[in-house]
Amino acid sequence: MNSLVNLIKELEGLGFNKEQLNEVFKTAEQEIVEVVIEDFALNAEEKIVNEYTKKFAYAREDLQKLAKLIDEMIAILYGQENIGKKKEELLAEYLRGVISLTRQTKEIYQKYLQGEPEAIKMIEEAKKNPAIKSFVKQLQDNG
């Protein structure tokens, strides 16, 4: 847990506010679920995968049931005693990726501000993308 606290502090140090952190965690949750499902599909016995496919179909609208199924899948893959540890590892991995991408993006943006031609070209092309437009605005607002 200590490493997660440090990663959160690092994100805050990079300029993430509470709302942005909540978005990161929301996206991380979705990513973790996808990773667990993919690992499960690749590594669990076919019979068990088929069983859980049916369980997911029935639990589709119930978030608590879905969360329980994810925990069960983690337990099958990594052991009951490792559910919390595995979730923490996956979250830490995701947060490290966000930190790395944020640093790279800020570095490119600084080069852009300094007039580096390659960075200018890259950012000007990226500015055409609506999602990137929003992110660039956040960087400008946060410095």
Protein backbone atom coordinates (compact mmCIF):
# COMPACT_ATOMS: atom_id res chain seq x y z
CA MET A 1 0.00 0.00 0.00
CA ASN A 2 2.91 2.32 0.72
CA SER A 3 3.98 2.21 -2.93
CA LEU A 4 0.46 3.23 -4.01
CA VAL A 5 0.57 6.21 -1.67
CA ASN A 6 3.92 7.20 -3.18
CA LEU A 7 2.58 6.82 -6.72
CA ILE A 8 -0.45 8.98 -5.87
CA LYS A 9 1.84 11.63 -4.40
CA GLU A 10 3.93 11.47 -7.55
CA LEU A 11 0.82 12.04 -9.68
CA GLU A 12 -0.12 14.99 -7.48
CA GLY A 13 3.40 16.33 -7.91
CA LEU A 14 2.91 16.14 -11.67
CA GLY A 15 -0.14 18.39 -11.34
CA PHE A 16 -3.02 15.94 -11.05
CA ASN A 17 -5.86 17.35 -8.97
CA LYS A 18 -8.44 15.30 -7.08
CA GLU A 19 -10.87 15.19 -10.01
CA GLN A 20 -8.14 14.04 -12.39
CA LEU A 21 -6.96 11.41 -9.92
CA ASN A 22 -10.52 10.10 -9.69
CA GLU A 23 -10.59 9.79 -13.49
CA VAL A 24 -7.26 7.95 -13.42
CA PHE A 25 -8.62 5.50 -10.84
CA LYS A 26 -11.84 5.01 -12.78
CA THR A 27 -9.86 4.20 -15.93
CA ALA A 28 -7.44 2.04 -13.93
CA GLU A 29 -10.33 0.00 -12.60
CA GLN A 30 -11.54 -0.70 -16.12
CA GLU A 31 -8.01 -1.58 -17.26
CA ILE A 32 -7.50 -3.95 -14.31
CA VAL A 33 -10.75 -5.74 -15.09
CA GLU A 34 -9.68 -6.14 -18.72
CA VAL A 35 -6.27 -7.49 -17.70
CA VAL A 36 -7.80 -9.99 -15.26
CA ILE A 37 -10.34 -11.18 -17.82
CA GLU A 38 -7.66 -11.55 -20.48
CA ASP A 39 -5.31 -13.43 -18.11
CA PHE A 40 -8.19 -15.62 -17.02
CA ALA A 41 -9.22 -16.43 -20.59
CA LEU A 42 -5.64 -17.34 -21.50
CA ASN A 43 -4.62 -19.22 -18.36
CA ALA A 44 -7.63 -20.82 -16.69
CA GLU A 45 -9.03 -24.17 -17.73
CA GLU A 46 -11.49 -23.92 -20.62
CA LYS A 47 -14.33 -25.40 -18.56
CA ILE A 48 -13.87 -22.74 -15.87
CA VAL A 49 -13.62 -19.97 -18.46
CA ASN A 50 -16.93 -21.11 -19.97
CA GLU A 51 -18.52 -21.21 -16.53
CA TYR A 52 -17.42 -17.64 -15.78
CA THR A 53 -18.55 -16.44 -19.19
CA LYS A 54 -22.06 -17.55 -18.25
CA LYS A 55 -21.77 -15.99 -14.79
CA PHE A 56 -20.77 -12.68 -16.37
CA ALA A 57 -23.80 -12.75 -18.63
CA TYR A 58 -26.09 -13.09 -15.59
CA ALA A 59 -24.27 -10.49 -13.50
CA ARG A 60 -23.88 -7.91 -16.26
CA GLU A 61 -26.02 -5.23 -14.56
CA ASP A 62 -24.93 -5.85 -10.96
CA LEU A 63 -21.61 -4.18 -10.16
CA GLN A 64 -21.26 -6.00 -6.84
CA LYS A 65 -21.67 -9.37 -8.52
CA LEU A 66 -19.21 -8.38 -11.23
CA ALA A 67 -16.66 -7.29 -8.62
CA LYS A 68 -17.12 -10.61 -6.82
CA LEU A 69 -16.57 -12.51 -10.07
CA ILE A 70 -13.36 -10.57 -10.73
CA ASP A 71 -12.14 -11.44 -7.22
CA GLU A 72 -12.98 -15.09 -7.85
CA MET A 73 -11.07 -15.03 -11.11
CA ILE A 74 -8.04 -13.49 -9.40
CA ALA A 75 -8.28 -16.16 -6.70
CA ILE A 76 -8.36 -18.93 -9.31
CA LEU A 77 -5.35 -17.49 -11.13
CA TYR A 78 -3.20 -16.27 -8.24
CA GLY A 79 -4.65 -17.78 -5.06
CA GLN A 80 -7.29 -16.55 -2.63
CA GLU A 81 -4.65 -15.05 -0.36
CA ASN A 82 -3.30 -12.91 -3.21
CA ILE A 83 -6.48 -11.11 -4.33
CA GLY A 84 -5.63 -7.79 -2.66
CA LYS A 85 -1.95 -8.04 -3.53
CA LYS A 86 -2.67 -8.72 -7.21
CA LYS A 87 -5.13 -5.83 -7.44
CA GLU A 88 -2.56 -3.54 -5.84
CA GLU A 89 0.14 -4.75 -8.25
CA LEU A 90 -2.09 -4.12 -11.25
CA LEU A 91 -3.06 -0.68 -9.99
CA ALA A 92 0.57 0.24 -9.28
CA GLU A 93 1.56 -0.92 -12.76
CA TYR A 94 -1.17 1.21 -14.32
CA LEU A 95 -0.24 4.27 -12.23
CA ARG A 96 3.44 3.90 -13.18
CA GLY A 97 2.36 3.92 -16.83
CA VAL A 98 0.31 7.10 -16.31
CA ILE A 99 3.26 8.74 -14.57
CA SER A 100 5.63 7.78 -17.36
CA LEU A 101 3.28 9.00 -20.08
CA THR A 102 2.63 12.25 -18.21
CA ARG A 103 6.36 12.92 -17.83
CA GLN A 104 6.98 12.22 -21.51
CA THR A 105 4.09 14.45 -22.52
CA LYS A 106 5.25 17.30 -20.28
CA GLU A 107 8.78 16.93 -21.64
CA ILE A 108 7.54 17.18 -25.23
CA TYR A 109 5.39 20.14 -24.30
CA GLN A 110 8.37 21.94 -22.75
CA LYS A 111 10.35 21.31 -25.95
CA TYR A 112 7.39 22.71 -27.88
CA LEU A 113 7.42 25.86 -25.74
CA GLN A 114 11.17 26.17 -26.37
CA GLY A 115 10.54 26.05 -30.12
CA GLU A 116 12.06 22.67 -30.94
CA PRO A 117 10.87 21.93 -34.53
CA GLU A 118 10.23 18.20 -34.03
CA ALA A 119 8.16 18.84 -30.91
CA ILE A 120 6.23 21.63 -32.64
CA LYS A 121 5.36 19.34 -35.54
CA MET A 122 4.30 16.53 -33.19
CA ILE A 123 2.10 18.75 -31.03
CA GLU A 124 0.55 20.60 -33.96
CA GLU A 125 -0.49 17.27 -35.48
CA ALA A 126 -1.79 16.04 -32.12
CA LYS A 127 -3.79 19.23 -31.54
CA LYS A 128 -6.11 18.13 -34.33
CA ASN A 129 -7.30 15.24 -32.13
CA PRO A 130 -10.18 16.34 -29.81
CA ALA A 131 -8.99 14.25 -26.86
CA ILE A 132 -5.50 15.68 -27.18
CA LYS A 133 -6.88 19.22 -27.45
CA SER A 134 -8.39 18.79 -24.00
CA PHE A 135 -5.17 17.40 -22.55
CA VAL A 136 -3.03 20.21 -24.04
CA LYS A 137 -5.40 22.75 -22.51
CA GLN A 138 -4.95 21.10 -19.11
CA LEU A 139 -1.17 21.27 -19.49
CA GLN A 140 -1.39 24.95 -20.41
CA ASP A 141 -3.62 25.64 -17.43
CA ASN A 142 -1.39 23.69 -15.00
CA GLY A 143 1.96 24.80 -16.42
